[in-house]
C-alpha atoms as a PDB file:
ATOM      1  CA  UNK A   1     -30.610   9.323  36.534  1.00  0.00           C
ATOM      2  CA  UNK A   2     -30.705   8.259  32.861  1.00  0.00           C
ATOM      3  CA  UNK A   3     -28.983   8.503  29.614  1.00  0.00           C
ATOM      4  CA  UNK A   4     -29.950   9.146  25.554  1.00  0.00           C
ATOM      5  CA  UNK A   5     -27.722   7.404  22.884  1.00  0.00           C
ATOM      6  CA  UNK A   6     -28.520   7.758  19.778  1.00  0.00           C
ATOM      7  CA  UNK A   7     -26.419   5.362  18.981  1.00  0.00           C
ATOM      8  CA  UNK A   8     -26.863   2.333  20.792  1.00  0.00           C
ATOM      9  CA  UNK A   9     -30.700   2.513  19.763  1.00  0.00           C
ATOM     10  CA  UNK A  10     -31.735  -0.641  17.565  1.00  0.00           C
ATOM     11  CA  UNK A  11     -32.429   0.377  14.329  1.00  0.00           C
ATOM     12  CA  UNK A  12     -35.458   0.530  12.385  1.00  0.00           C
ATOM     13  CA  UNK A  13     -36.743  -3.260  12.493  1.00  0.00           C
ATOM     14  CA  UNK A  14     -40.551  -2.346  10.961  1.00  0.00           C
ATOM     15  CA  UNK A  15     -39.062  -2.779   7.867  1.00  0.00           C
ATOM     16  CA  UNK A  16     -37.685  -5.794   7.550  1.00  0.00           C
ATOM     17  CA  UNK A  17     -39.981  -7.669   9.654  1.00  0.00           C
ATOM     18  CA  UNK A  18     -42.182  -6.205   6.747  1.00  0.00           C
ATOM     19  CA  UNK A  19     -40.737  -7.546   4.154  1.00  0.00           C
ATOM     20  CA  UNK A  20     -42.509 -10.451   2.707  1.00  0.00           C
ATOM     21  CA  UNK A  21     -39.668 -13.346   1.500  1.00  0.00           C
ATOM     22  CA  UNK A  22     -37.544 -12.482  -1.115  1.00  0.00           C
ATOM     23  CA  UNK A  23     -33.910 -12.634  -2.112  1.00  0.00           C
ATOM     24  CA  UNK A  24     -30.964 -10.761   0.188  1.00  0.00           C
ATOM     25  CA  UNK A  25     -27.589 -10.995  -0.552  1.00  0.00           C
ATOM     26  CA  UNK A  26     -25.768 -11.537   2.980  1.00  0.00           C
ATOM     27  CA  UNK A  27     -23.035 -11.822   5.538  1.00  0.00           C
ATOM     28  CA  UNK A  28     -22.273 -14.067   7.702  1.00  0.00           C
ATOM     29  CA  UNK A  29     -22.237 -12.481  11.295  1.00  0.00           C
ATOM     30  CA  UNK A  30     -22.606 -14.994  13.671  1.00  0.00           C
ATOM     31  CA  UNK A  31     -23.019 -19.030  14.175  1.00  0.00           C
ATOM     32  CA  UNK A  32     -24.422 -20.750  16.919  1.00  0.00           C
ATOM     33  CA  UNK A  33     -24.301 -24.806  17.400  1.00  0.00           C
ATOM     34  CA  UNK A  34     -27.656 -25.811  19.134  1.00  0.00           C
ATOM     35  CA  UNK A  35     -26.889 -29.719  20.560  1.00  0.00           C
ATOM     36  CA  UNK A  36     -30.836 -31.051  20.931  1.00  0.00           C
ATOM     37  CA  UNK A  37     -30.990 -34.850  21.097  1.00  0.00           C
ATOM     38  CA  UNK A  38     -34.070 -34.915  18.495  1.00  0.00           C
ATOM     39  CA  UNK A  39     -33.300 -31.955  15.799  1.00  0.00           C
ATOM     40  CA  UNK A  40     -29.512 -30.376  16.347  1.00  0.00           C
ATOM     41  CA  UNK A  41     -28.997 -27.456  14.238  1.00  0.00           C
ATOM     42  CA  UNK A  42     -27.173 -24.655  13.351  1.00  0.00           C
ATOM     43  CA  UNK A  43     -28.371 -20.827  14.432  1.00  0.00           C
ATOM     44  CA  UNK A  44     -27.268 -17.919  11.377  1.00  0.00           C
ATOM     45  CA  UNK A  45     -27.641 -15.013  11.942  1.00  0.00           C
ATOM     46  CA  UNK A  46     -27.133 -13.239   8.607  1.00  0.00           C
ATOM     47  CA  UNK A  47     -26.636  -8.675   7.834  1.00  0.00           C
ATOM     48  CA  UNK A  48     -27.957  -7.959   4.639  1.00  0.00           C
ATOM     49  CA  UNK A  49     -25.857  -6.109   2.577  1.00  0.00           C
ATOM     50  CA  UNK A  50     -28.585  -5.715  -0.801  1.00  0.00           C
ATOM     51  CA  UNK A  51     -31.019  -4.333  -0.814  1.00  0.00           C
ATOM     52  CA  UNK A  52     -30.196  -1.013   0.484  1.00  0.00           C
ATOM     53  CA  UNK A  53     -33.642  -0.267   1.838  1.00  0.00           C
ATOM     54  CA  UNK A  54     -32.777  -2.715   4.381  1.00  0.00           C
ATOM     55  CA  UNK A  55     -28.880  -2.710   4.101  1.00  0.00           C
ATOM     56  CA  UNK A  56     -27.892  -3.624   8.205  1.00  0.00           C
ATOM     57  CA  UNK A  57     -30.828  -5.001   9.262  1.00  0.00           C
ATOM     58  CA  UNK A  58     -29.806  -8.617  10.752  1.00  0.00           C
ATOM     59  CA  UNK A  59     -32.161 -11.657   9.781  1.00  0.00           C
ATOM     60  CA  UNK A  60     -31.735 -15.002  11.822  1.00  0.00           C
ATOM     61  CA  UNK A  61     -32.795 -18.643  11.107  1.00  0.00           C
ATOM     62  CA  UNK A  62     -31.643 -22.485  12.171  1.00  0.00           C
ATOM     63  CA  UNK A  63     -30.726 -25.177  10.092  1.00  0.00           C
ATOM     64  CA  UNK A  64     -30.850 -28.360  11.240  1.00  0.00           C
ATOM     65  CA  UNK A  65     -28.788 -31.050  11.355  1.00  0.00           C
ATOM     66  CA  UNK A  66     -30.315 -34.378  11.315  1.00  0.00           C
ATOM     67  CA  UNK A  67     -29.854 -36.902   8.201  1.00  0.00           C
ATOM     68  CA  UNK A  68     -32.559 -35.740   6.284  1.00  0.00           C
ATOM     69  CA  UNK A  69     -32.059 -31.976   6.481  1.00  0.00           C
ATOM     70  CA  UNK A  70     -28.134 -32.109   6.032  1.00  0.00           C
ATOM     71  CA  UNK A  71     -28.440 -31.582   2.044  1.00  0.00           C
ATOM     72  CA  UNK A  72     -29.329 -28.097   2.657  1.00  0.00           C
ATOM     73  CA  UNK A  73     -26.326 -26.806   5.429  1.00  0.00           C
ATOM     74  CA  UNK A  74     -23.711 -28.457   2.640  1.00  0.00           C
ATOM     75  CA  UNK A  75     -25.558 -25.899  -0.378  1.00  0.00           C
ATOM     76  CA  UNK A  76     -25.279 -23.335   2.159  1.00  0.00           C
ATOM     77  CA  UNK A  77     -21.772 -23.955   2.947  1.00  0.00           C
ATOM     78  CA  UNK A  78     -21.268 -24.614  -0.859  1.00  0.00           C
ATOM     79  CA  UNK A  79     -23.008 -22.163  -2.075  1.00  0.00           C
ATOM     80  CA  UNK A  80     -20.804 -19.613   0.325  1.00  0.00           C
ATOM     81  CA  UNK A  81     -17.836 -20.328  -0.299  1.00  0.00           C
ATOM     82  CA  UNK A  82     -17.319 -22.663   2.458  1.00  0.00           C
ATOM     83  CA  UNK A  83     -13.653 -24.507   2.360  1.00  0.00           C
ATOM     84  CA  UNK A  84     -14.126 -26.890  -0.027  1.00  0.00           C
ATOM     85  CA  UNK A  85     -11.378 -29.154   1.802  1.00  0.00           C
ATOM     86  CA  UNK A  86     -13.214 -29.346   5.048  1.00  0.00           C
ATOM     87  CA  UNK A  87     -16.025 -29.587   3.412  1.00  0.00           C
ATOM     88  CA  UNK A  88     -15.202 -32.981   1.858  1.00  0.00           C
ATOM     89  CA  UNK A  89     -14.317 -34.335   5.160  1.00  0.00           C
ATOM     90  CA  UNK A  90     -17.191 -33.690   6.588  1.00  0.00           C
ATOM     91  CA  UNK A  91     -16.328 -30.683   9.494  1.00  0.00           C
ATOM     92  CA  UNK A  92     -17.939 -27.438  10.011  1.00  0.00           C
ATOM     93  CA  UNK A  93     -14.940 -25.013  11.465  1.00  0.00           C
ATOM     94  CA  UNK A  94     -17.819 -21.970  13.088  1.00  0.00           C
ATOM     95  CA  UNK A  95     -14.672 -19.344  13.008  1.00  0.00           C
ATOM     96  CA  UNK A  96     -15.305 -20.121   9.067  1.00  0.00           C
ATOM     97  CA  UNK A  97     -18.483 -19.860   8.464  1.00  0.00           C
ATOM     98  CA  UNK A  98     -18.333 -15.769   9.835  1.00  0.00           C
ATOM     99  CA  UNK A  99     -17.772 -13.254   6.987  1.00  0.00           C
ATOM    100  CA  UNK A 100     -18.956 -15.483   4.100  1.00  0.00           C
ATOM    101  CA  UNK A 101     -21.040 -13.971   1.690  1.00  0.00           C
ATOM    102  CA  UNK A 102     -23.905 -15.492  -0.568  1.00  0.00           C
ATOM    103  CA  UNK A 103     -27.660 -14.880  -1.247  1.00  0.00           C
ATOM    104  CA  UNK A 104     -30.155 -16.180   0.296  1.00  0.00           C
ATOM    105  CA  UNK A 105     -33.756 -17.126  -0.966  1.00  0.00           C
ATOM    106  CA  UNK A 106     -36.206 -16.249   2.254  1.00  0.00           C
ATOM    107  CA  UNK A 107     -40.268 -16.842   2.645  1.00  0.00           C
ATOM    108  CA  UNK A 108     -42.043 -17.110   6.706  1.00  0.00           C
ATOM    109  CA  UNK A 109     -44.430 -18.931   8.003  1.00  0.00           C
ATOM    110  CA  UNK A 110     -46.276 -19.359  11.037  1.00  0.00           C
ATOM    111  CA  UNK A 111     -46.334 -22.644  12.580  1.00  0.00           C
ATOM    112  CA  UNK A 112     -48.055 -22.943  16.338  1.00  0.00           C
ATOM    113  CA  UNK A 113     -48.182 -19.258  16.972  1.00  0.00           C
ATOM    114  CA  UNK A 114     -44.280 -17.900  16.261  1.00  0.00           C
ATOM    115  CA  UNK A 115     -43.454 -16.371  13.083  1.00  0.00           C
ATOM    116  CA  UNK A 116     -40.523 -18.530  11.628  1.00  0.00           C
ATOM    117  CA  UNK A 117     -38.176 -17.491   9.061  1.00  0.00           C
ATOM    118  CA  UNK A 118     -37.521 -20.281   6.304  1.00  0.00           C
ATOM    119  CA  UNK A 119     -34.184 -20.269   4.027  1.00  0.00           C
ATOM    120  CA  UNK A 120     -35.519 -21.604   0.762  1.00  0.00           C
ATOM    121  CA  UNK A 121     -32.412 -21.556  -1.540  1.00  0.00           C
ATOM    122  CA  UNK A 122     -29.251 -20.299  -1.958  1.00  0.00           C
ATOM    123  CA  UNK A 123     -26.458 -18.727  -4.294  1.00  0.00           C
ATOM    124  CA  UNK A 124     -22.896 -17.729  -4.492  1.00  0.00           C
ATOM    125  CA  UNK A 125     -22.517 -13.725  -3.822  1.00  0.00           C
ATOM    126  CA  UNK A 126     -21.412 -13.497  -7.060  1.00  0.00           C
ATOM    127  CA  UNK A 127     -24.878 -13.954  -8.922  1.00  0.00           C
ATOM    128  CA  UNK A 128     -26.554 -11.039  -6.735  1.00  0.00           C
ATOM    129  CA  UNK A 129     -26.613  -9.146  -9.969  1.00  0.00           C
ATOM    130  CA  UNK A 130     -28.378 -11.206 -12.215  1.00  0.00           C
ATOM    131  CA  UNK A 131     -30.595 -12.857  -9.734  1.00  0.00           C
ATOM    132  CA  UNK A 132     -32.003  -9.509  -8.470  1.00  0.00           C
ATOM    133  CA  UNK A 133     -34.215  -7.271 -10.024  1.00  0.00           C
ATOM    134  CA  UNK A 134     -33.005  -4.334  -7.678  1.00  0.00           C
ATOM    135  CA  UNK A 135     -29.425  -4.951  -7.779  1.00  0.00           C
ATOM    136  CA  UNK A 136     -27.935  -2.261  -9.385  1.00  0.00           C
ATOM    137  CA  UNK A 137     -24.368  -0.788 -10.197  1.00  0.00           C
ATOM    138  CA  UNK A 138     -25.303   2.558  -9.417  1.00  0.00           C
ATOM    139  CA  UNK A 139     -23.601   4.430  -5.947  1.00  0.00           C
ATOM    140  CA  UNK A 140     -26.569   5.052  -3.191  1.00  0.00           C
ATOM    141  CA  UNK A 141     -28.060   8.583  -3.851  1.00  0.00           C
ATOM    142  CA  UNK A 142     -27.233   8.436  -7.907  1.00  0.00           C
ATOM    143  CA  UNK A 143     -30.720   8.569  -9.831  1.00  0.00           C
ATOM    144  CA  UNK A 144     -31.253   6.630 -12.754  1.00  0.00           C
ATOM    145  CA  UNK A 145     -31.835   7.610 -16.182  1.00  0.00           C
END
């Protein structure tokens, strides 16, 4: 017997998949460290907080932990408000990353047939209102005059 539960159905992903690159206010939902001999990386799962029309959608991206790519991880940690004492020691606590918020600028690329999300830049969550043309102070559903 098959049972149908509306709340188990994944959200409409067609909207987030059809978006071009841009700015998103996000919260880190999950972080996994993936060890690899040549390219160890952190795999981030972000949940979109704003813009409203894609709120709740997930974005997944990787940041590599090679010597040449560590600057990008450092910038994300700094801009998302990671503990500065741990950052100064060079330590990353995966559990401390979950829940941090910030702004990401993303673009998409196709590499060998794979559709990849690139994290181009980061900013603190407090800068969202000045960075995004879509950010408003009105509650959802309010009309702008």
